[in-house]
């Protein structure tokens, strides 16, 4: 009886340790956002969810097609979201990476030198026509950029998730 209990204990111990393997989380490194060309490390807003997953396997969550905002990949630790079905990329205020031009936190009045005049102006955001499509900048109450969205679509075709 003691041998049976000992064997069962050893077997349970072995089975318990086989599932306790350490697995490294994929690391994507820092993201580089080219604001003037509408890309994140050569990833464009019209890339498929599979193309982005292959390039950046470190996503924190995803939503499938048919959800509220369509197919979406979230990189919460880096504060960047790829809306693949709506074909735009969103950069949040806590973005962990580098921007080609320092527009995050920039004053609304200081953007002309990089972007020119906005095509559409609202109280809380501006939409700029770019060579690749549209750049939308959202402002906080102090008039500083708090959110960046860009797409290869024009302002007439762009559908942002609310």
Protein backbone atom coordinates (compact mmCIF):
# COMPACT_ATOMS: atom_id res chain seq x y z
CA UNK A 1 0.00 0.00 0.00
CA UNK A 2 2.84 2.37 0.86
CA UNK A 3 4.50 1.63 -2.49
CA UNK A 4 1.27 2.43 -4.33
CA UNK A 5 0.89 5.78 -2.53
CA UNK A 6 4.55 6.58 -3.17
CA UNK A 7 4.21 5.75 -6.89
CA UNK A 8 1.04 7.82 -7.21
CA UNK A 9 2.70 10.74 -5.42
CA UNK A 10 5.73 10.63 -7.73
CA UNK A 11 3.47 10.36 -10.78
CA UNK A 12 1.39 13.35 -9.63
CA UNK A 13 4.58 15.33 -9.02
CA UNK A 14 5.92 14.51 -12.48
CA UNK A 15 2.63 15.38 -14.20
CA UNK A 16 2.42 18.66 -12.30
CA UNK A 17 5.88 19.79 -13.37
CA UNK A 18 5.42 18.98 -17.06
CA UNK A 19 2.89 21.82 -17.40
CA UNK A 20 5.05 24.29 -15.51
CA UNK A 21 7.39 25.08 -18.38
CA UNK A 22 8.65 28.62 -18.61
CA UNK A 23 7.72 30.35 -21.82
CA UNK A 24 9.20 33.65 -22.90
CA UNK A 25 6.74 36.26 -24.06
CA UNK A 26 7.51 37.45 -27.60
CA UNK A 27 9.34 40.77 -27.69
CA UNK A 28 8.67 43.14 -30.55
CA UNK A 29 11.22 45.73 -29.54
CA UNK A 30 10.40 49.43 -29.82
CA UNK A 31 7.97 50.54 -32.53
CA UNK A 32 8.98 53.30 -34.92
CA UNK A 33 6.07 55.34 -36.30
CA UNK A 34 6.74 57.23 -39.51
CA UNK A 35 3.98 59.83 -39.24
CA UNK A 36 4.65 61.49 -42.60
CA UNK A 37 4.53 58.18 -44.51
CA UNK A 38 1.77 56.51 -42.46
CA UNK A 39 3.65 53.41 -41.33
CA UNK A 40 4.79 51.59 -38.22
CA UNK A 41 8.12 49.94 -39.09
CA UNK A 42 6.96 49.53 -42.73
CA UNK A 43 3.56 48.15 -41.64
CA UNK A 44 0.81 50.08 -43.38
CA UNK A 45 -2.81 50.52 -42.25
CA UNK A 46 -4.07 48.22 -45.03
CA UNK A 47 -2.03 45.20 -43.84
CA UNK A 48 -4.05 42.15 -42.82
CA UNK A 49 -4.29 40.98 -39.24
CA UNK A 50 -2.11 37.96 -40.14
CA UNK A 51 0.61 40.17 -41.65
CA UNK A 52 0.73 42.32 -38.51
CA UNK A 53 0.65 39.30 -36.19
CA UNK A 54 3.62 37.83 -38.07
CA UNK A 55 5.60 41.09 -37.81
CA UNK A 56 4.60 41.82 -34.18
CA UNK A 57 3.76 38.59 -32.29
CA UNK A 58 3.71 40.42 -28.94
CA UNK A 59 0.10 41.66 -29.17
CA UNK A 60 -1.82 41.65 -25.89
CA UNK A 61 -5.29 40.92 -27.30
CA UNK A 62 -7.31 40.86 -30.48
CA UNK A 63 -10.86 41.19 -31.71
CA UNK A 64 -12.18 39.24 -34.64
CA UNK A 65 -14.05 40.46 -37.67
CA UNK A 66 -17.68 41.11 -36.80
CA UNK A 67 -16.91 42.72 -33.45
CA UNK A 68 -17.80 46.35 -32.75
CA UNK A 69 -14.66 47.76 -34.43
CA UNK A 70 -13.90 44.82 -36.71
CA UNK A 71 -10.65 42.88 -36.74
CA UNK A 72 -8.27 44.62 -34.33
CA UNK A 73 -4.87 43.92 -32.73
CA UNK A 74 -4.07 45.58 -29.40
CA UNK A 75 -0.59 46.26 -28.06
CA UNK A 76 -1.64 47.72 -24.71
CA UNK A 77 1.85 47.85 -23.19
CA UNK A 78 3.00 49.99 -26.12
CA UNK A 79 -0.31 51.92 -26.45
CA UNK A 80 -0.81 51.18 -30.13
CA UNK A 81 -3.80 49.58 -31.86
CA UNK A 82 -4.12 48.24 -35.42
CA UNK A 83 -7.69 48.41 -36.74
CA UNK A 84 -7.14 46.11 -39.71
CA UNK A 85 -10.73 45.94 -40.94
CA UNK A 86 -11.15 49.73 -40.83
CA UNK A 87 -7.57 50.20 -42.10
CA UNK A 88 -6.17 52.63 -39.58
CA UNK A 89 -3.62 52.71 -36.77
CA UNK A 90 -4.07 54.48 -33.44
CA UNK A 91 -1.24 55.74 -31.24
CA UNK A 92 -2.20 56.56 -27.63
CA UNK A 93 -0.69 59.05 -25.17
CA UNK A 94 1.39 56.38 -23.42
CA UNK A 95 3.00 55.16 -26.65
CA UNK A 96 6.20 53.23 -26.06
CA UNK A 97 8.31 53.80 -29.14
CA UNK A 98 9.59 56.57 -31.37
CA UNK A 99 7.75 59.01 -33.64
CA UNK A 100 9.42 60.37 -36.78
CA UNK A 101 8.23 63.85 -35.82
CA UNK A 102 7.51 64.82 -32.20
CA UNK A 103 3.80 65.49 -32.43
CA UNK A 104 2.59 63.60 -29.32
CA UNK A 105 2.05 66.29 -26.70
CA UNK A 106 2.75 69.08 -29.21
CA UNK A 107 0.62 72.23 -29.11
CA UNK A 108 -2.08 72.53 -31.73
CA UNK A 109 -0.61 75.76 -33.09
CA UNK A 110 2.87 74.27 -33.58
CA UNK A 111 1.93 71.60 -36.12
CA UNK A 112 1.80 73.73 -39.28
CA UNK A 113 5.55 73.39 -39.92
CA UNK A 114 5.19 69.62 -40.30
CA UNK A 115 1.63 69.11 -41.50
CA UNK A 116 0.34 72.34 -43.02
CA UNK A 117 -3.29 73.34 -42.55
CA UNK A 118 -5.85 70.70 -41.57
CA UNK A 119 -8.37 69.60 -44.17
CA UNK A 120 -11.09 69.30 -41.50
CA UNK A 121 -11.05 71.13 -38.18
CA UNK A 122 -13.15 70.37 -35.11
CA UNK A 123 -13.05 71.66 -31.54
CA UNK A 124 -11.19 68.56 -30.29
CA UNK A 125 -9.44 67.20 -33.39
CA UNK A 126 -7.93 68.04 -36.77
CA UNK A 127 -7.77 65.84 -39.89
CA UNK A 128 -4.83 66.41 -42.21
CA UNK A 129 -4.66 65.28 -45.82
CA UNK A 130 -1.37 63.43 -46.35
CA UNK A 131 0.37 61.78 -49.29
CA UNK A 132 -0.78 58.37 -48.02
CA UNK A 133 -4.31 59.29 -46.82
CA UNK A 134 -5.45 60.91 -43.58
CA UNK A 135 -3.82 61.84 -40.27
CA UNK A 136 -6.20 62.66 -37.41
CA UNK A 137 -4.87 64.35 -34.28
CA UNK A 138 -7.00 64.56 -31.13
CA UNK A 139 -6.30 67.23 -28.51
CA UNK A 140 -6.69 67.41 -24.74
CA UNK A 141 -8.23 70.41 -22.97
CA UNK A 142 -4.84 72.17 -22.98
CA UNK A 143 -4.73 71.95 -26.80
CA UNK A 144 -1.94 69.35 -26.94
CA UNK A 145 -1.96 66.18 -29.05
CA UNK A 146 -3.19 63.23 -26.99
CA UNK A 147 -4.08 60.70 -29.71
CA UNK A 148 -2.83 60.02 -33.25
CA UNK A 149 -4.78 58.09 -35.88
CA UNK A 150 -3.69 57.54 -39.46
CA UNK A 151 -5.11 55.70 -42.43
CA UNK A 152 -4.46 55.20 -46.11
CA UNK A 153 -8.08 56.25 -46.72
CA UNK A 154 -9.25 59.79 -47.42
CA UNK A 155 -11.41 61.74 -44.99
CA UNK A 156 -14.55 60.83 -46.96
CA UNK A 157 -13.95 57.07 -46.61
CA UNK A 158 -12.35 56.87 -43.16
CA UNK A 159 -14.48 55.09 -40.53
CA UNK A 160 -13.05 55.44 -37.02
CA UNK A 161 -14.18 53.25 -34.12
CA UNK A 162 -15.92 55.20 -31.37
